[in-house]
Amino acid sequence: MEIAYRALDLAEAHIVAGMLRAHGLEAHVAGHYLQGVLGEVGTFDLVQVKVIDEDYLAARILIDEYEQRK
């Protein structure tokens, strides 16, 4: 699996992963348990959205569009 996106928090990671899934891509949010360790301080790039290698390019195109709308 490839890291397609590094999220600021779990909510954002799930938004991005949901968007990717809605477009037929397999997406996985990593770092669920690590954020609990750090609490409110921040994740320091520990929350990631991962996709299978074959979906990486398509995922990055969708994520780039998402980032432009932010």
C-alpha atoms as a PDB file:
ATOM      1  CA  MET A   1       0.000   0.000   0.000  1.00  0.00           C
ATOM      2  CA  GLU A   2       1.084   3.536  -0.719  1.00  0.00           C
ATOM      3  CA  ILE A   3       0.517   6.626   1.425  1.00  0.00           C
ATOM      4  CA  ALA A   4      -1.735   8.799  -0.724  1.00  0.00           C
ATOM      5  CA  TYR A   5      -2.489  11.481   1.874  1.00  0.00           C
ATOM      6  CA  ARG A   6      -1.212  12.684   5.243  1.00  0.00           C
ATOM      7  CA  ALA A   7      -4.120  14.121   7.179  1.00  0.00           C
ATOM      8  CA  LEU A   8      -4.194  16.694   9.946  1.00  0.00           C
ATOM      9  CA  ASP A   9      -6.563  14.556  12.020  1.00  0.00           C
ATOM     10  CA  LEU A  10      -8.748  11.442  11.876  1.00  0.00           C
ATOM     11  CA  ALA A  11     -11.830  13.317  10.690  1.00  0.00           C
ATOM     12  CA  GLU A  12     -10.035  14.670   7.639  1.00  0.00           C
ATOM     13  CA  ALA A  13      -8.515  11.259   6.902  1.00  0.00           C
ATOM     14  CA  HIS A  14     -11.961   9.673   6.917  1.00  0.00           C
ATOM     15  CA  ILE A  15     -13.343  12.390   4.646  1.00  0.00           C
ATOM     16  CA  VAL A  16     -10.580  11.768   2.116  1.00  0.00           C
ATOM     17  CA  ALA A  17     -10.840   7.980   2.403  1.00  0.00           C
ATOM     18  CA  GLY A  18     -14.614   8.188   1.937  1.00  0.00           C
ATOM     19  CA  MET A  19     -14.178  10.340  -1.149  1.00  0.00           C
ATOM     20  CA  LEU A  20     -11.746   7.804  -2.610  1.00  0.00           C
ATOM     21  CA  ARG A  21     -14.087   4.901  -1.831  1.00  0.00           C
ATOM     22  CA  ALA A  22     -16.969   6.789  -3.468  1.00  0.00           C
ATOM     23  CA  HIS A  23     -14.875   6.805  -6.634  1.00  0.00           C
ATOM     24  CA  GLY A  24     -14.315   3.054  -6.441  1.00  0.00           C
ATOM     25  CA  LEU A  25     -10.838   3.088  -4.924  1.00  0.00           C
ATOM     26  CA  GLU A  26      -9.834   0.956  -1.967  1.00  0.00           C
ATOM     27  CA  ALA A  27      -8.688   3.277   0.851  1.00  0.00           C
ATOM     28  CA  HIS A  28      -7.514   2.597   4.398  1.00  0.00           C
ATOM     29  CA  VAL A  29      -7.044   5.075   7.260  1.00  0.00           C
ATOM     30  CA  ALA A  30      -3.904   4.352   9.278  1.00  0.00           C
ATOM     31  CA  GLY A  31      -2.993   5.903  12.613  1.00  0.00           C
ATOM     32  CA  HIS A  32      -6.251   5.482  14.533  1.00  0.00           C
ATOM     33  CA  TYR A  33      -4.588   4.313  17.686  1.00  0.00           C
ATOM     34  CA  LEU A  34      -1.604   6.622  17.503  1.00  0.00           C
ATOM     35  CA  GLN A  35      -3.716   9.767  17.760  1.00  0.00           C
ATOM     36  CA  GLY A  36      -5.103   8.590  21.094  1.00  0.00           C
ATOM     37  CA  VAL A  37      -1.582   8.478  22.475  1.00  0.00           C
ATOM     38  CA  LEU A  38      -0.972  12.096  21.540  1.00  0.00           C
ATOM     39  CA  GLY A  39      -4.437  13.374  22.439  1.00  0.00           C
ATOM     40  CA  GLU A  40      -5.132  16.988  21.559  1.00  0.00           C
ATOM     41  CA  VAL A  41      -1.518  17.862  20.816  1.00  0.00           C
ATOM     42  CA  GLY A  42      -1.675  16.736  17.187  1.00  0.00           C
ATOM     43  CA  THR A  43      -0.789  13.772  15.071  1.00  0.00           C
ATOM     44  CA  PHE A  44       2.547  14.864  13.593  1.00  0.00           C
ATOM     45  CA  ASP A  45       1.754  13.167  10.252  1.00  0.00           C
ATOM     46  CA  LEU A  46       0.757   9.907  11.891  1.00  0.00           C
ATOM     47  CA  VAL A  47      -2.732   9.788  10.361  1.00  0.00           C
ATOM     48  CA  GLN A  48      -2.510   8.625   6.765  1.00  0.00           C
ATOM     49  CA  VAL A  49      -4.788   7.502   3.987  1.00  0.00           C
ATOM     50  CA  LYS A  50      -3.330   4.533   2.168  1.00  0.00           C
ATOM     51  CA  VAL A  51      -4.350   3.009  -1.134  1.00  0.00           C
ATOM     52  CA  ILE A  52      -3.250  -0.061  -3.047  1.00  0.00           C
ATOM     53  CA  ASP A  53      -0.339   0.560  -5.366  1.00  0.00           C
ATOM     54  CA  GLU A  54      -2.473   0.295  -8.514  1.00  0.00           C
ATOM     55  CA  ASP A  55      -4.847   3.046  -7.268  1.00  0.00           C
ATOM     56  CA  TYR A  56      -2.165   5.513  -6.190  1.00  0.00           C
ATOM     57  CA  LEU A  57      -2.187   7.732  -9.296  1.00  0.00           C
ATOM     58  CA  ALA A  58      -5.983   7.911  -9.472  1.00  0.00           C
ATOM     59  CA  ALA A  59      -6.109   8.659  -5.738  1.00  0.00           C
ATOM     60  CA  ARG A  60      -3.581  11.485  -6.039  1.00  0.00           C
ATOM     61  CA  ILE A  61      -5.595  13.089  -8.858  1.00  0.00           C
ATOM     62  CA  LEU A  62      -8.735  13.061  -6.699  1.00  0.00           C
ATOM     63  CA  ILE A  63      -6.846  14.289  -3.631  1.00  0.00           C
ATOM     64  CA  ASP A  64      -5.264  17.142  -5.604  1.00  0.00           C
ATOM     65  CA  GLU A  65      -8.771  18.228  -6.677  1.00  0.00           C
ATOM     66  CA  TYR A  66      -9.946  17.992  -3.061  1.00  0.00           C
ATOM     67  CA  GLU A  67      -7.012  20.113  -1.838  1.00  0.00           C
ATOM     68  CA  GLN A  68      -7.717  22.804  -4.431  1.00  0.00           C
ATOM     69  CA  ARG A  69     -11.288  23.137  -3.103  1.00  0.00           C
ATOM     70  CA  LYS A  70     -10.179  23.512   0.543  1.00  0.00           C
END
